Amino acid sequence: MGIYLRNGNVFNGRQWEKRDVILEGGRIAALVPSGQGFFESDSVFDSLSIKYERVIDCDNSFLLPGFVDVHVHLREPGYEYKETIVTGTKAGAAGGYTTLFAMPNVNPAPSDLASLKIQLEAIEKDSVIPVIPYGSITMGRDGVGALSDMAALAPWVVGFSDDGTGVQTVDLMEAAMENAWALDKVVAAHCEDEELSEVGDFRRSEWIQVARDLALCKKTGCKYHVCHVSTKESLRLIREAKQEGLNVTCETAPHYLVFCEEDTTDDGRFKMNPPLMGKEDRQALIEGLSDGTIDMVATDHAPHSREEKSLGFSGSANGVVGLETAFSALYTQLVLTGKVTLERLVDAMAVAPRKRFGLPGGMLIPGAPADLCIWDLEQTYGINPEDFYSKGKSTPFEGMEVRGKNKYTIVGGTIVWER
């Protein structure tokens, strides 16, 4: 049994070509020029000898490698009133994601094997698409004190992070990087100096820890990844570190690429950490995404209850949702305006995350995993949070008219979501 996808646009590494794509056994079995023939006695299909479970006319839609979000808060275990594995992974599937990396902001935090097992069991039971968790850097994910049991966690996690909390001391972060280097794992850092953020100096709070960690990355050789970059200073430091040859990558989120502090209103849907910065920061981030300094886009999908996000800007909890709006918003705001190419956006959402974290796939070629999404890039719609699968409804993109709508998400050759 297999799936036959007719008449889609597929990127071959240089340009988009009209192709039919055959999925079999969880992988891409073949690509052939459209029109050669599901209904013809073609030798390609005779040799494959496949009985197709589904034949889908893609109608000139774009077949993209499934997106990978390296920064998602699924909230389970411990905070199921905000989100669950079921609702979060359904949201991811609707947004074209075929893999999510779950941040350790759960209770209990995955600081040892026993606490991680609770999360892994929930993922195995309820996830609609693959989910790989991070282990915490510190015990309890508090950014101070003792390191987590990194060696025990390593076989089960994609990397280590204390996201939501910056590791507060040089010695602790250096020890974490040394352990991660020995375990061949990525340290994904939430860069926040708490003393500075407590007095409202969010800009220095971010870049001063980025600078500290880059020096430690150089010293230890650790695979270092900077979460949700928001300032031009952080970006400059990362660009210089890459030119020096350090083993560093970074991400930014869609909201930092589309909005700035001038767009903020007294509404919880604009409250996130780090906060929106200035116009010059947004422009620097767009340029950094375009030139590859910013390796990937991650949503930092952070759902909260309606009550937690209804207390105005100052009183609301930090965090907005993004899985169901990321591609459409960025395609509309960046690609259609000529700021970033479609190929670069797809690379940032599907290829670069796999490359950095060692996952297969990312190219729609024979033999690759059949993880893909099918997008109608002509359809226009308004973003309405009430349509979200996510329990979280708070997004700065609410009401925005966007172009591009997902039609199918396929994981391992199985359709996990269709419009």
Protein backbone atom coordinates (compact mmCIF):
# COMPACT_ATOMS: atom_id res chain seq x y z
CA MET A 1 0.00 0.00 0.00
CA GLY A 2 1.20 3.48 -0.75
CA ILE A 3 0.20 7.05 -1.54
CA TYR A 4 0.44 8.64 -4.96
CA LEU A 5 0.70 12.45 -5.01
CA ARG A 6 -0.05 13.90 -8.44
CA ASN A 7 0.77 17.27 -9.93
CA GLY A 8 2.76 18.98 -7.18
CA ASN A 9 5.62 21.48 -7.15
CA VAL A 10 8.76 19.96 -5.65
CA PHE A 11 12.08 21.72 -5.01
CA ASN A 12 15.04 19.82 -6.48
CA GLY A 13 17.74 21.83 -4.74
CA ARG A 14 17.93 24.40 -7.54
CA GLN A 15 14.40 25.12 -8.70
CA TRP A 16 10.78 24.04 -8.38
CA GLU A 17 9.63 21.28 -10.75
CA LYS A 18 6.25 19.70 -11.39
CA ARG A 19 6.43 16.15 -10.06
CA ASP A 20 4.36 13.17 -9.05
CA VAL A 21 5.60 11.67 -5.79
CA ILE A 22 5.13 8.05 -4.73
CA LEU A 23 5.24 7.15 -1.04
CA GLU A 24 5.78 3.56 0.01
CA GLY A 25 6.95 1.86 3.18
CA GLY A 26 7.33 5.11 5.05
CA ARG A 27 9.70 6.57 2.46
CA ILE A 28 9.67 8.43 -0.81
CA ALA A 29 9.79 5.67 -3.39
CA ALA A 30 10.00 7.73 -6.56
CA LEU A 31 9.55 11.12 -8.19
CA VAL A 32 8.52 11.36 -11.82
CA PRO A 33 7.56 14.28 -14.07
CA SER A 34 3.85 15.02 -13.71
CA GLY A 35 1.72 13.64 -16.50
CA GLN A 36 3.79 10.48 -17.06
CA GLY A 37 1.43 8.55 -15.49
CA PHE A 38 -0.65 7.01 -12.94
CA PHE A 39 -3.15 6.11 -15.65
CA GLU A 40 -0.55 4.98 -18.20
CA SER A 41 1.39 1.75 -18.51
CA ASP A 42 4.68 3.36 -17.61
CA SER A 43 7.70 1.16 -16.88
CA VAL A 44 8.48 3.14 -13.74
CA PHE A 45 5.17 2.20 -12.19
CA ASP A 46 5.26 -1.36 -13.57
CA SER A 47 8.57 -1.94 -11.79
CA LEU A 48 7.31 -0.52 -8.50
CA SER A 49 4.25 -2.83 -8.48
CA ILE A 50 2.45 -0.73 -5.91
CA LYS A 51 -1.22 -0.74 -5.02
CA TYR A 52 -1.99 2.81 -3.96
CA GLU A 53 -4.06 3.38 -0.86
CA ARG A 54 -4.63 7.03 -1.76
CA VAL A 55 -4.24 9.02 -4.96
CA ILE A 56 -4.17 12.76 -4.24
CA ASP A 57 -4.26 15.44 -6.91
CA CYS A 58 -2.13 18.20 -5.42
CA ASP A 59 -3.51 20.64 -8.00
CA ASN A 60 -0.26 22.60 -8.35
CA SER A 61 0.23 22.91 -4.59
CA PHE A 62 3.73 22.93 -3.11
CA LEU A 63 5.13 19.76 -1.58
CA LEU A 64 7.47 20.79 1.24
CA PRO A 65 9.56 18.69 3.60
CA GLY A 66 7.79 18.45 6.93
CA PHE A 67 8.75 21.25 9.29
CA VAL A 68 10.70 20.64 12.49
CA ASP A 69 10.12 22.98 15.43
CA VAL A 70 13.04 22.85 17.83
CA HIS A 71 11.33 24.96 20.50
CA VAL A 72 7.81 24.02 21.65
CA HIS A 73 6.12 24.02 25.05
CA LEU A 74 3.65 21.15 25.22
CA ARG A 75 3.01 21.68 28.97
CA GLU A 76 2.39 18.00 29.77
CA PRO A 77 2.97 16.67 32.38
CA GLY A 78 1.93 19.17 35.02
CA TYR A 79 0.16 21.96 33.14
CA GLU A 80 -2.47 20.19 31.06
CA TYR A 81 -4.89 23.08 31.53
CA LYS A 82 -2.60 25.08 29.19
CA GLU A 83 -1.87 22.38 26.59
CA THR A 84 -1.61 18.61 26.25
CA ILE A 85 0.41 16.30 24.07
CA VAL A 86 -2.76 15.67 22.04
CA THR A 87 -3.71 19.31 21.45
CA GLY A 88 -0.15 20.49 20.92
CA THR A 89 0.75 17.82 18.39
CA LYS A 90 -2.54 18.30 16.54
CA ALA A 91 -1.66 21.99 16.30
CA GLY A 92 1.77 21.05 14.99
CA ALA A 93 0.33 18.71 12.38
CA ALA A 94 -2.11 21.39 11.22
CA GLY A 95 0.81 23.77 10.79
CA GLY A 96 2.81 21.35 8.63
CA TYR A 97 5.16 20.12 11.35
CA THR A 98 6.27 16.52 11.37
CA THR A 99 8.54 16.68 14.44
CA LEU A 100 8.47 18.80 17.59
CA PHE A 101 11.15 19.24 20.25
CA ALA A 102 9.50 19.62 23.65
CA MET A 103 11.00 22.11 26.09
CA PRO A 104 11.45 21.03 29.73
CA ASN A 105 8.98 23.54 31.25
CA VAL A 106 6.89 20.72 32.71
CA ASN A 107 6.33 19.28 36.17
CA PRO A 108 8.31 17.32 37.05
CA ALA A 109 11.11 18.84 35.00
CA PRO A 110 13.06 16.15 33.12
CA SER A 111 16.15 16.36 35.31
CA ASP A 112 16.61 12.63 35.80
CA LEU A 113 15.42 9.44 34.15
CA ALA A 114 12.44 8.96 36.47
CA SER A 115 11.00 12.41 35.73
CA LEU A 116 11.74 12.11 32.00
CA LYS A 117 9.94 8.74 31.88
CA ILE A 118 6.65 10.42 32.84
CA GLN A 119 6.94 12.73 29.86
CA LEU A 120 8.04 9.99 27.48
CA GLU A 121 5.07 7.82 28.43
CA ALA A 122 2.65 10.69 27.73
CA ILE A 123 4.31 11.29 24.36
CA GLU A 124 4.16 7.62 23.40
CA LYS A 125 0.50 7.42 24.39
CA ASP A 126 -0.91 10.57 22.84
CA SER A 127 1.34 12.27 20.27
CA VAL A 128 -0.05 12.72 16.77
CA ILE A 129 3.41 13.48 15.32
CA PRO A 130 6.87 12.61 16.64
CA VAL A 131 7.99 14.53 19.73
CA ILE A 132 11.52 14.48 21.14
CA PRO A 133 12.05 16.12 24.53
CA TYR A 134 14.94 18.14 25.86
CA GLY A 135 16.45 17.26 29.20
CA SER A 136 16.95 20.11 31.63
CA ILE A 137 20.43 21.51 32.20
CA THR A 138 19.97 21.92 35.95
CA MET A 139 18.03 19.95 38.54
CA GLY A 140 14.52 21.32 38.60
CA ARG A 141 15.36 23.59 35.64
CA ASP A 142 16.10 26.46 38.00
CA GLY A 143 19.30 27.72 36.35
CA VAL A 144 21.31 27.42 39.57
CA GLY A 145 22.56 24.67 41.85
CA ALA A 146 23.35 21.19 40.56
CA LEU A 147 23.38 19.87 37.01
CA SER A 148 20.77 17.37 35.91
CA ASP A 149 21.67 13.71 35.40
CA MET A 150 22.80 14.48 31.87
CA ALA A 151 24.45 11.13 31.19
CA ALA A 152 21.31 9.17 32.08
CA LEU A 153 19.07 11.50 30.05
CA ALA A 154 21.29 11.68 26.96
CA PRO A 155 20.01 8.59 25.07
CA TRP A 156 16.43 9.82 25.29
CA VAL A 157 16.68 13.56 24.64
CA VAL A 158 17.55 15.78 21.68
CA GLY A 159 19.70 18.08 23.81
CA PHE A 160 19.71 20.05 27.05
CA SER A 161 17.97 23.32 27.91
CA ASP A 162 16.67 25.26 30.89
CA ASP A 163 14.40 27.28 28.62
CA GLY A 164 12.48 29.88 30.55
CA THR A 165 15.49 30.26 32.81
CA GLY A 166 19.01 31.33 31.95
CA VAL A 167 21.87 29.39 33.54
CA GLN A 168 23.05 32.07 35.92
CA THR A 169 26.71 31.31 36.63
CA VAL A 170 29.73 30.85 34.39
CA ASP A 171 30.96 27.78 36.26
CA LEU A 172 27.62 25.99 35.98
CA MET A 173 27.26 26.65 32.25
CA GLU A 174 30.86 25.60 31.62
CA ALA A 175 30.28 22.31 33.43
CA ALA A 176 27.07 21.75 31.46
CA MET A 177 28.87 22.38 28.16
CA GLU A 178 31.69 20.02 29.09
CA ASN A 179 29.17 17.28 29.87
CA ALA A 180 27.20 17.95 26.70
CA TRP A 181 30.39 17.83 24.63
CA ALA A 182 31.27 14.43 26.12
CA LEU A 183 27.74 13.19 25.38
CA ASP A 184 27.70 14.73 21.87
CA LYS A 185 24.54 16.70 22.64
CA VAL A 186 23.45 20.27 21.94
CA VAL A 187 23.06 22.85 24.69
CA ALA A 188 20.08 25.05 23.71
CA ALA A 189 20.36 28.16 25.85
CA HIS A 190 17.72 30.57 27.01
CA CYS A 191 19.97 33.59 27.47
CA GLU A 192 18.72 35.76 30.29
CA ASP A 193 20.65 37.42 33.09
CA GLU A 194 17.99 37.57 35.79
CA GLU A 195 19.47 40.56 37.60
CA LEU A 196 19.26 42.62 34.41
CA SER A 197 15.81 41.41 33.34
CA GLU A 198 14.39 42.12 36.78
CA VAL A 199 15.22 45.82 36.30
CA GLY A 200 13.85 45.81 32.75
CA ASP A 201 17.15 45.75 30.86
CA PHE A 202 16.04 42.92 28.59
CA ARG A 203 18.45 43.84 25.79
CA ARG A 204 21.61 43.47 27.87
CA SER A 205 20.06 40.55 29.72
CA GLU A 206 20.08 38.58 26.48
CA TRP A 207 23.28 39.55 24.73
CA ILE A 208 25.49 39.52 27.82
CA GLN A 209 24.73 35.82 28.35
CA VAL A 210 25.15 35.13 24.62
CA ALA A 211 28.64 36.66 24.85
CA ARG A 212 29.46 34.62 27.97
CA ASP A 213 28.26 31.38 26.40
CA LEU A 214 30.10 31.93 23.13
CA ALA A 215 33.33 32.24 25.08
CA LEU A 216 32.50 28.97 26.85
CA CYS A 217 31.58 27.35 23.54
CA LYS A 218 35.01 28.28 22.21
CA LYS A 219 36.66 26.87 25.34
CA THR A 220 34.73 23.58 25.49
CA GLY A 221 33.94 22.85 21.82
CA CYS A 222 30.32 22.22 22.81
CA LYS A 223 27.50 22.23 20.26
CA TYR A 224 25.82 25.47 21.30
CA HIS A 225 22.41 26.73 20.16
CA VAL A 226 20.93 30.11 21.08
CA CYS A 227 17.17 30.13 21.61
CA HIS A 228 14.77 32.90 20.45
CA VAL A 229 17.33 35.56 19.44
CA SER A 230 15.65 38.98 19.66
CA THR A 231 18.37 41.66 19.59
CA LYS A 232 20.76 42.99 16.99
CA GLU A 233 23.63 42.74 19.52
CA SER A 234 23.09 39.00 20.02
CA LEU A 235 22.96 38.50 16.27
CA ARG A 236 26.21 40.39 15.76
CA LEU A 237 27.97 38.25 18.38
CA ILE A 238 26.67 35.04 16.78
CA ARG A 239 27.72 36.17 13.30
CA GLU A 240 31.24 36.90 14.55
CA ALA A 241 31.39 33.55 16.36
CA LYS A 242 30.40 31.71 13.19
CA GLN A 243 33.07 33.55 11.22
CA GLU A 244 35.54 32.41 13.85
CA GLY A 245 34.42 28.81 13.33
CA LEU A 246 32.63 28.17 16.61
CA ASN A 247 30.10 25.35 16.78
CA VAL A 248 27.10 27.62 17.20
CA THR A 249 23.62 27.84 15.68
CA CYS A 250 20.63 29.97 16.58
CA GLU A 251 16.92 30.42 16.09
CA THR A 252 14.46 33.25 16.14
CA ALA A 253 10.67 33.16 16.31
CA PRO A 254 8.09 34.41 13.80
CA HIS A 255 6.87 37.17 16.11
CA TYR A 256 10.34 38.76 16.26
CA LEU A 257 10.50 38.77 12.46
CA VAL A 258 7.10 40.39 11.96
CA PHE A 259 6.52 42.65 14.98
CA CYS A 260 8.51 45.14 17.05
CA GLU A 261 7.92 46.96 20.33
CA GLU A 262 6.03 49.73 18.54
CA ASP A 263 3.34 47.19 17.62
CA THR A 264 2.71 46.30 21.26
CA THR A 265 -0.65 47.14 22.77
CA ASP A 266 -2.00 46.61 26.28
CA ASP A 267 -2.91 43.06 25.40
CA GLY A 268 -1.53 39.77 26.67
CA ARG A 269 -1.09 38.52 23.12
CA PHE A 270 2.00 40.71 22.83
CA LYS A 271 3.57 39.48 26.08
CA MET A 272 6.49 37.09 25.59
CA ASN A 273 10.03 36.54 26.88
CA PRO A 274 12.24 37.95 25.50
CA PRO A 275 9.95 40.86 24.66
CA LEU A 276 9.59 42.45 21.25
CA MET A 277 12.48 44.80 20.60
CA GLY A 278 12.93 47.78 18.23
CA LYS A 279 12.50 48.20 14.50
CA GLU A 280 16.26 47.99 14.01
CA ASP A 281 16.32 44.64 15.80
CA ARG A 282 13.54 43.26 13.64
CA GLN A 283 15.34 44.41 10.50
CA ALA A 284 18.60 42.86 11.69
CA LEU A 285 16.82 39.55 12.35
CA ILE A 286 15.24 39.53 8.89
CA GLU A 287 18.65 40.16 7.33
CA GLY A 288 20.15 37.46 9.55
CA LEU A 289 17.54 34.95 8.45
CA SER A 290 18.06 35.86 4.81
CA ASP A 291 21.86 35.50 4.93
CA GLY A 292 21.82 32.33 7.07
CA THR A 293 23.27 33.77 10.27
CA ILE A 294 19.97 32.76 11.84
CA ASP A 295 19.89 29.07 11.05
CA MET A 296 16.29 28.26 11.79
CA VAL A 297 12.87 29.53 12.75
CA ALA A 298 11.29 28.06 15.88
CA THR A 299 7.89 29.11 17.15
CA ASP A 300 8.52 29.11 20.92
CA HIS A 301 4.90 27.92 21.01
CA ALA A 302 3.96 28.71 24.62
CA PRO A 303 0.25 28.24 25.37
CA HIS A 304 -1.47 29.60 28.47
CA SER A 305 -5.07 29.64 29.62
CA ARG A 306 -7.40 32.44 28.56
CA GLU A 307 -7.36 33.76 32.12
CA GLU A 308 -3.55 33.93 32.22
CA LYS A 309 -3.47 35.94 28.99
CA SER A 310 -6.41 38.27 29.77
CA LEU A 311 -4.70 40.50 32.32
CA GLY A 312 -3.35 43.15 29.97
CA PHE A 313 0.25 43.41 28.88
CA SER A 314 1.81 43.84 32.30
CA GLY A 315 -0.27 41.25 34.13
CA SER A 316 -0.39 38.44 31.58
CA ALA A 317 1.86 35.41 31.52
CA ASN A 318 4.80 35.37 29.09
CA GLY A 319 4.26 33.34 25.94
CA VAL A 320 2.24 33.14 22.72
CA VAL A 321 1.23 30.27 20.46
CA GLY A 322 2.63 29.81 16.98
CA LEU A 323 2.51 26.32 15.52
CA GLU A 324 -0.58 26.92 13.38
CA THR A 325 0.46 30.32 12.02
CA ALA A 326 4.24 30.20 11.53
CA PHE A 327 4.59 29.32 7.87
CA SER A 328 1.62 31.31 6.59
CA ALA A 329 2.63 34.43 8.51
CA LEU A 330 6.25 34.30 7.37
CA TYR A 331 5.36 33.39 3.79
CA THR A 332 3.05 36.40 3.66
CA GLN A 333 5.22 38.90 5.54
CA LEU A 334 8.68 37.89 4.31
CA VAL A 335 8.49 35.83 1.11
CA LEU A 336 5.74 37.70 -0.70
CA THR A 337 7.39 41.01 0.18
CA GLY A 338 10.75 39.88 -1.21
CA LYS A 339 12.63 40.01 2.10
CA VAL A 340 13.39 36.25 2.25
CA THR A 341 13.16 33.60 -0.46
CA LEU A 342 10.77 30.68 -0.19
CA GLU A 343 13.75 28.32 -0.40
CA ARG A 344 15.46 30.01 2.58
CA LEU A 345 12.27 29.88 4.64
CA VAL A 346 11.79 26.17 3.92
CA ASP A 347 15.44 25.56 4.79
CA ALA A 348 15.01 27.39 8.10
CA MET A 349 11.89 25.47 9.03
CA ALA A 350 12.66 21.99 7.68
CA VAL A 351 16.27 21.45 6.64
CA ALA A 352 18.50 23.32 9.10
CA PRO A 353 16.80 21.92 12.22
CA ARG A 354 17.35 18.36 10.98
CA LYS A 355 20.95 19.08 10.10
CA ARG A 356 21.79 20.61 13.48
CA PHE A 357 20.08 17.97 15.61
CA GLY A 358 20.94 14.93 13.51
CA LEU A 359 17.52 13.97 12.12
CA PRO A 360 17.11 12.31 8.72
CA GLY A 361 15.17 13.87 5.87
CA GLY A 362 14.69 17.44 4.78
CA MET A 363 14.83 16.78 1.03
CA LEU A 364 12.06 15.23 -1.03
CA ILE A 365 14.21 12.67 -2.83
CA PRO A 366 13.90 8.91 -3.33
CA GLY A 367 14.79 7.03 -0.17
CA ALA A 368 14.13 9.94 2.17
CA PRO A 369 11.57 9.60 4.97
CA ALA A 370 8.06 10.35 3.73
CA ASP A 371 7.62 13.33 6.06
CA LEU A 372 6.07 16.21 4.15
CA CYS A 373 3.32 18.80 3.99
CA ILE A 374 1.30 20.04 1.02
CA TRP A 375 0.56 23.77 0.81
CA ASP A 376 -1.82 25.80 -1.30
CA LEU A 377 0.18 29.02 -1.56
CA GLU A 378 -2.63 30.91 -3.27
CA GLN A 379 -5.31 30.62 -0.60
CA THR A 380 -5.84 33.70 1.56
CA TYR A 381 -7.49 33.66 4.99
CA GLY A 382 -7.68 35.58 8.23
CA ILE A 383 -6.05 34.13 11.34
CA ASN A 384 -8.72 33.29 13.91
CA PRO A 385 -7.44 31.73 17.16
CA GLU A 386 -10.82 30.11 17.76
CA ASP A 387 -9.97 27.79 14.87
CA PHE A 388 -6.79 26.56 16.55
CA TYR A 389 -6.33 22.99 17.72
CA SER A 390 -4.08 24.34 20.48
CA LYS A 391 -5.66 25.13 23.82
CA GLY A 392 -3.71 28.39 23.68
CA LYS A 393 -5.49 31.16 21.77
CA SER A 394 -3.16 34.08 22.43
CA THR A 395 -1.24 35.18 19.33
CA PRO A 396 -0.04 38.54 18.02
CA PHE A 397 -1.05 37.31 14.55
CA GLU A 398 -4.75 37.35 15.44
CA GLY A 399 -6.77 38.97 12.66
CA MET A 400 -3.89 39.10 10.18
CA GLU A 401 -4.73 38.28 6.56
CA VAL A 402 -2.23 35.71 5.32
CA ARG A 403 -1.64 33.61 2.22
CA GLY A 404 -0.82 29.93 2.23
CA LYS A 405 -2.83 27.13 3.79
CA ASN A 406 -1.77 23.61 4.64
CA LYS A 407 -3.76 20.84 2.98
CA TYR A 408 -2.05 17.65 4.20
CA THR A 409 0.63 16.64 6.68
CA ILE A 410 2.22 13.23 6.17
CA VAL A 411 4.53 11.45 8.62
CA GLY A 412 6.26 8.23 7.69
CA GLY A 413 3.98 7.88 4.67
CA THR A 414 0.81 8.18 6.78
CA ILE A 415 -1.56 11.13 6.52
CA VAL A 416 -1.77 12.52 10.07
CA TRP A 417 -3.73 15.68 9.20
CA GLU A 418 -5.78 16.84 6.24
CA ARG A 419 -7.88 19.93 5.82
